[in-house]
């Protein structure tokens, strides 16, 4: 009897050990980071990741997006040594390749929401096969991003390729904060409406802090463009089908990346005209 009580006391002491709690917390953060990397890239989320880990990974989305942007910026710099004009488009294609083209496919599918009929019919069309007009729209948006990156001077191009995927990833977190996952399936069902203030707060501090610190006054314009694009997609989705799906999350990311690069290209063009 005394031996049993002694073992129980030891177990309680071990459970209360700060080192063991820290190790468990660190392991949990590692799983959330891996989930964020998988969700934002072509790797895909871990098959055995529970919903709380997938939702917790939202806090790391801007960090992962910034890392993806670093890869794209490195590719653009390498290509720029051979052809300056091809550097920007190469960076944009690198962004698409890292994500497995999911953003373009999702944006192409969202054109189904423009059709007539009931919200249920539009939702079914969104989940169905993509119409040719959707593919044309997605290709046009990809081309627009490539052109925007091509006209940016080298320093601004690097900034744009870093900020665009970071803010695109942050936009997904914003979409998942609030609302209900009524129409979401798969991984999206673990994300939509399940972001807590922890995920939203950390993601916003990183994304907005980096943007404002990098771009100062221009950064504020970029943040405004990303925010308006995100809110616009959310309002549109709720009016058309009454909620968000996984494809709409990826379409938001695609549109925000386009808005960020487009705004930077526009500002660079205006400043270049004034200086010339």
Protein backbone atom coordinates (compact mmCIF):
# COMPACT_ATOMS: atom_id res chain seq x y z
CA UNK A 1 0.00 0.00 0.00
CA UNK A 2 2.81 2.36 0.93
CA UNK A 3 4.69 1.48 -2.27
CA UNK A 4 1.62 2.26 -4.40
CA UNK A 5 1.15 5.68 -2.77
CA UNK A 6 4.84 6.43 -3.28
CA UNK A 7 4.58 5.67 -7.00
CA UNK A 8 1.54 7.91 -7.30
CA UNK A 9 3.37 10.75 -5.61
CA UNK A 10 6.30 10.33 -8.00
CA UNK A 11 3.94 10.39 -10.98
CA UNK A 12 2.34 13.61 -9.72
CA UNK A 13 5.78 15.20 -9.24
CA UNK A 14 6.79 14.22 -12.78
CA UNK A 15 3.56 15.63 -14.19
CA UNK A 16 4.20 18.93 -12.45
CA UNK A 17 7.81 19.11 -13.56
CA UNK A 18 8.30 22.37 -15.53
CA UNK A 19 10.83 20.69 -17.83
CA UNK A 20 8.39 18.01 -18.93
CA UNK A 21 5.67 20.59 -19.53
CA UNK A 22 8.08 22.70 -21.59
CA UNK A 23 9.11 19.70 -23.66
CA UNK A 24 5.48 18.78 -24.29
CA UNK A 25 4.66 22.36 -25.28
CA UNK A 26 7.66 22.53 -27.60
CA UNK A 27 6.59 19.28 -29.23
CA UNK A 28 3.09 20.66 -29.69
CA UNK A 29 4.43 23.81 -31.35
CA UNK A 30 6.56 21.67 -33.63
CA UNK A 31 3.51 19.70 -34.74
CA UNK A 32 1.60 22.92 -35.40
CA UNK A 33 4.49 24.30 -37.45
CA UNK A 34 4.65 21.11 -39.53
CA UNK A 35 0.90 21.34 -40.07
CA UNK A 36 1.24 24.95 -41.24
CA UNK A 37 4.02 24.02 -43.68
CA UNK A 38 1.95 21.16 -45.08
CA UNK A 39 -1.22 23.22 -45.44
CA UNK A 40 0.51 26.05 -47.29
CA UNK A 41 2.70 24.00 -49.61
CA UNK A 42 2.40 21.11 -52.00
CA UNK A 43 3.54 18.76 -49.22
CA UNK A 44 0.04 18.62 -47.77
CA UNK A 45 -0.85 18.48 -44.06
CA UNK A 46 0.17 15.46 -41.97
CA UNK A 47 -2.37 12.69 -42.41
CA UNK A 48 -2.62 12.05 -38.67
CA UNK A 49 -2.80 15.69 -37.57
CA UNK A 50 -5.81 16.29 -35.27
CA UNK A 51 -8.05 19.29 -35.70
CA UNK A 52 -6.60 21.25 -32.79
CA UNK A 53 -3.10 20.93 -34.28
CA UNK A 54 -4.29 22.06 -37.72
CA UNK A 55 -6.09 25.03 -36.18
CA UNK A 56 -3.13 25.86 -33.93
CA UNK A 57 -0.88 25.88 -36.97
CA UNK A 58 -2.66 29.01 -38.21
CA UNK A 59 -0.45 31.04 -35.88
CA UNK A 60 2.56 30.06 -38.00
CA UNK A 61 1.00 30.81 -41.40
CA UNK A 62 2.68 34.21 -41.95
CA UNK A 63 6.07 32.78 -40.92
CA UNK A 64 5.69 29.92 -43.39
CA UNK A 65 4.46 32.35 -46.04
CA UNK A 66 7.52 34.52 -45.46
CA UNK A 67 9.77 31.47 -45.86
CA UNK A 68 8.02 30.57 -49.11
CA UNK A 69 8.57 34.13 -50.26
CA UNK A 70 12.25 33.76 -49.44
CA UNK A 71 12.44 30.78 -51.77
CA UNK A 72 10.70 32.75 -54.54
CA UNK A 73 12.96 35.76 -54.02
CA UNK A 74 16.05 33.53 -54.21
CA UNK A 75 14.81 32.01 -57.46
CA UNK A 76 14.12 35.47 -58.88
CA UNK A 77 17.58 36.69 -57.90
CA UNK A 78 19.23 33.68 -59.52
CA UNK A 79 17.27 34.11 -62.75
CA UNK A 80 17.99 37.84 -62.66
CA UNK A 81 21.68 37.11 -63.15
CA UNK A 82 20.78 35.77 -66.59
CA UNK A 83 17.72 37.84 -67.53
CA UNK A 84 16.43 40.79 -65.54
CA UNK A 85 13.04 40.73 -67.26
CA UNK A 86 12.46 37.08 -66.45
CA UNK A 87 13.38 37.43 -62.78
CA UNK A 88 9.97 38.62 -61.56
CA UNK A 89 7.90 36.06 -63.49
CA UNK A 90 10.28 33.31 -62.33
CA UNK A 91 9.64 34.31 -58.73
CA UNK A 92 5.88 34.24 -59.26
CA UNK A 93 6.08 30.80 -60.87
CA UNK A 94 8.16 29.63 -57.91
CA UNK A 95 5.38 30.73 -55.57
CA UNK A 96 2.85 28.78 -57.61
CA UNK A 97 5.09 25.72 -57.74
CA UNK A 98 5.68 25.63 -53.98
CA UNK A 99 1.93 25.70 -53.38
CA UNK A 100 1.31 23.04 -56.00
CA UNK A 101 -0.84 25.43 -58.02
CA UNK A 102 -3.67 25.12 -55.50
CA UNK A 103 -4.34 28.85 -55.49
CA UNK A 104 -4.90 29.06 -59.24
CA UNK A 105 -7.14 25.99 -59.23
CA UNK A 106 -9.17 27.36 -56.33
CA UNK A 107 -9.58 30.75 -57.98
CA UNK A 108 -10.71 29.08 -61.19
CA UNK A 109 -13.35 27.13 -59.28
CA UNK A 110 -14.75 30.21 -57.50
CA UNK A 111 -16.14 31.57 -60.75
CA UNK A 112 -18.99 29.12 -60.11
CA UNK A 113 -20.26 31.55 -57.46
CA UNK A 114 -21.04 34.07 -60.17
CA UNK A 115 -23.74 31.83 -61.62
CA UNK A 116 -27.45 32.00 -60.98
CA UNK A 117 -29.46 29.69 -58.79
CA UNK A 118 -29.77 28.95 -55.12
CA UNK A 119 -26.83 29.03 -52.67
CA UNK A 120 -26.93 25.22 -52.59
CA UNK A 121 -26.62 25.08 -56.38
CA UNK A 122 -23.69 27.48 -56.35
CA UNK A 123 -21.99 25.46 -53.62
CA UNK A 124 -22.40 22.29 -55.67
CA UNK A 125 -20.95 24.06 -58.71
CA UNK A 126 -18.02 25.30 -56.62
CA UNK A 127 -17.22 21.73 -55.62
CA UNK A 128 -17.71 20.38 -59.12
CA UNK A 129 -15.59 20.57 -62.24
CA UNK A 130 -14.11 23.93 -63.21
CA UNK A 131 -15.61 25.82 -66.14
CA UNK A 132 -13.35 27.03 -68.98
CA UNK A 133 -14.01 30.66 -68.03
CA UNK A 134 -12.58 29.91 -64.60
CA UNK A 135 -9.38 28.57 -66.09
CA UNK A 136 -9.05 31.69 -68.24
CA UNK A 137 -9.57 33.92 -65.20
CA UNK A 138 -6.98 32.03 -63.14
CA UNK A 139 -4.46 32.24 -65.98
CA UNK A 140 -5.11 35.97 -66.34
CA UNK A 141 -4.56 36.57 -62.62
CA UNK A 142 -1.32 34.57 -62.72
CA UNK A 143 -0.17 36.59 -65.72
CA UNK A 144 -1.07 39.81 -63.91
CA UNK A 145 1.13 38.80 -60.97
CA UNK A 146 3.97 37.93 -63.33
CA UNK A 147 3.72 41.29 -65.10
CA UNK A 148 3.59 43.16 -61.80
CA UNK A 149 6.71 41.37 -60.57
CA UNK A 150 8.47 41.96 -63.89
CA UNK A 151 8.11 45.75 -63.76
CA UNK A 152 9.37 46.02 -60.19
CA UNK A 153 13.01 47.04 -59.69
CA UNK A 154 15.17 44.43 -57.97
CA UNK A 155 14.86 45.70 -54.35
CA UNK A 156 11.10 46.23 -54.64
CA UNK A 157 10.73 42.85 -56.38
CA UNK A 158 12.38 41.08 -53.47
CA UNK A 159 10.15 42.94 -51.02
CA UNK A 160 7.06 42.07 -53.03
CA UNK A 161 7.93 38.38 -53.30
CA UNK A 162 8.45 38.26 -49.53
CA UNK A 163 5.36 40.21 -48.51
CA UNK A 164 2.86 38.76 -50.99
CA UNK A 165 2.88 35.12 -49.77
CA UNK A 166 3.16 36.22 -46.15
CA UNK A 167 0.07 38.43 -46.38
CA UNK A 168 -1.69 35.81 -48.49
CA UNK A 169 -1.14 33.28 -45.70
CA UNK A 170 -2.27 35.84 -43.10
CA UNK A 171 -5.46 36.37 -45.10
CA UNK A 172 -6.34 32.69 -44.60
CA UNK A 173 -6.03 33.18 -40.84
CA UNK A 174 -8.33 36.20 -41.00
CA UNK A 175 -10.91 34.19 -42.94
CA UNK A 176 -10.77 31.41 -40.34
CA UNK A 177 -11.32 33.79 -37.42
CA UNK A 178 -15.04 33.78 -36.74
CA UNK A 179 -17.79 32.24 -38.80
CA UNK A 180 -18.83 28.61 -38.94
CA UNK A 181 -17.40 25.66 -40.91
CA UNK A 182 -20.84 24.73 -42.22
CA UNK A 183 -19.69 24.35 -45.85
CA UNK A 184 -16.06 23.41 -45.21
CA UNK A 185 -14.79 19.87 -45.69
CA UNK A 186 -11.54 18.04 -45.03
CA UNK A 187 -8.75 20.21 -43.67
CA UNK A 188 -10.80 23.36 -44.16
CA UNK A 189 -13.36 22.04 -41.67
CA UNK A 190 -10.62 22.11 -39.03
CA UNK A 191 -9.71 25.70 -39.89
CA UNK A 192 -12.78 27.76 -40.81
CA UNK A 193 -14.27 29.32 -37.70
CA UNK A 194 -11.76 27.56 -35.42
CA UNK A 195 -8.99 30.16 -35.25
CA UNK A 196 -8.72 31.48 -31.70
CA UNK A 197 -7.42 34.90 -30.69
CA UNK A 198 -4.06 33.21 -30.09
CA UNK A 199 -3.71 32.27 -33.75
CA UNK A 200 -5.25 35.47 -35.07
CA UNK A 201 -3.19 37.67 -32.75
CA UNK A 202 0.20 36.07 -33.39
CA UNK A 203 -0.39 35.85 -37.13
CA UNK A 204 -1.44 39.50 -37.30
CA UNK A 205 1.50 40.72 -35.21
CA UNK A 206 3.98 38.96 -37.49
CA UNK A 207 2.34 39.81 -40.82
CA UNK A 208 1.46 43.44 -40.11
CA UNK A 209 4.61 44.12 -38.13
CA UNK A 210 6.92 42.86 -40.89
CA UNK A 211 4.96 44.69 -43.59
CA UNK A 212 4.89 48.02 -41.81
CA UNK A 213 8.52 47.74 -40.75
CA UNK A 214 9.60 46.91 -44.30
CA UNK A 215 7.51 49.31 -46.30
CA UNK A 216 6.69 52.09 -43.79
CA UNK A 217 4.14 54.34 -45.57
CA UNK A 218 3.94 52.02 -48.58
CA UNK A 219 3.52 49.11 -46.17
CA UNK A 220 0.37 50.73 -44.83
CA UNK A 221 -1.06 50.87 -48.36
CA UNK A 222 -0.14 47.23 -48.91
CA UNK A 223 -1.81 46.19 -45.64
CA UNK A 224 -4.93 48.12 -46.61
CA UNK A 225 -5.07 46.43 -50.02
CA UNK A 226 -4.63 42.97 -48.47
CA UNK A 227 -7.28 43.65 -45.84
CA UNK A 228 -9.85 44.98 -48.30
CA UNK A 229 -9.29 42.02 -50.61
CA UNK A 230 -9.74 39.57 -47.74
CA UNK A 231 -12.90 41.21 -46.45
CA UNK A 232 -14.25 41.49 -49.99
CA UNK A 233 -13.89 37.75 -50.60
CA UNK A 234 -15.50 36.97 -47.26
CA UNK A 235 -18.51 39.21 -47.87
CA UNK A 236 -18.92 37.87 -51.40
CA UNK A 237 -18.74 34.25 -50.22
CA UNK A 238 -21.29 34.75 -47.46
CA UNK A 239 -23.70 36.49 -49.82
CA UNK A 240 -23.42 33.81 -52.49
CA UNK A 241 -23.29 30.58 -50.45
CA UNK A 242 -23.47 31.64 -46.80
CA UNK A 243 -19.96 30.62 -45.77
CA UNK A 244 -16.42 29.68 -46.69
CA UNK A 245 -14.85 26.53 -48.10
CA UNK A 246 -11.30 25.35 -48.59
CA UNK A 247 -11.25 26.55 -52.17
CA UNK A 248 -12.34 30.02 -51.07
CA UNK A 249 -9.52 30.13 -48.53
CA UNK A 250 -6.99 29.40 -51.27
CA UNK A 251 -8.68 31.83 -53.64
CA UNK A 252 -8.33 34.52 -50.97
CA UNK A 253 -4.62 33.82 -50.73
CA UNK A 254 -4.25 34.02 -54.51
CA UNK A 255 -6.10 37.33 -54.77
CA UNK A 256 -4.22 38.90 -51.86
CA UNK A 257 -0.87 37.95 -53.40
CA UNK A 258 -2.01 39.54 -56.65
CA UNK A 259 -3.20 42.69 -54.88
CA UNK A 260 0.08 43.09 -53.00
CA UNK A 261 2.27 42.73 -56.10
CA UNK A 262 -0.10 44.91 -58.11
CA UNK A 263 -0.05 47.72 -55.56
CA UNK A 264 3.73 47.64 -55.30
CA UNK A 265 4.06 47.73 -59.10
CA UNK A 266 1.63 50.67 -59.25
CA UNK A 267 3.49 52.59 -56.56
CA UNK A 268 6.84 51.86 -58.23
CA UNK A 269 5.45 53.12 -61.53
CA UNK A 270 4.13 56.33 -59.95
CA UNK A 271 7.39 57.03 -58.11
CA UNK A 272 9.40 56.25 -61.23
CA UNK A 273 7.31 58.68 -63.28
CA UNK A 274 7.75 61.46 -60.72
CA UNK A 275 11.49 60.94 -60.50
CA UNK A 276 11.99 60.89 -64.28
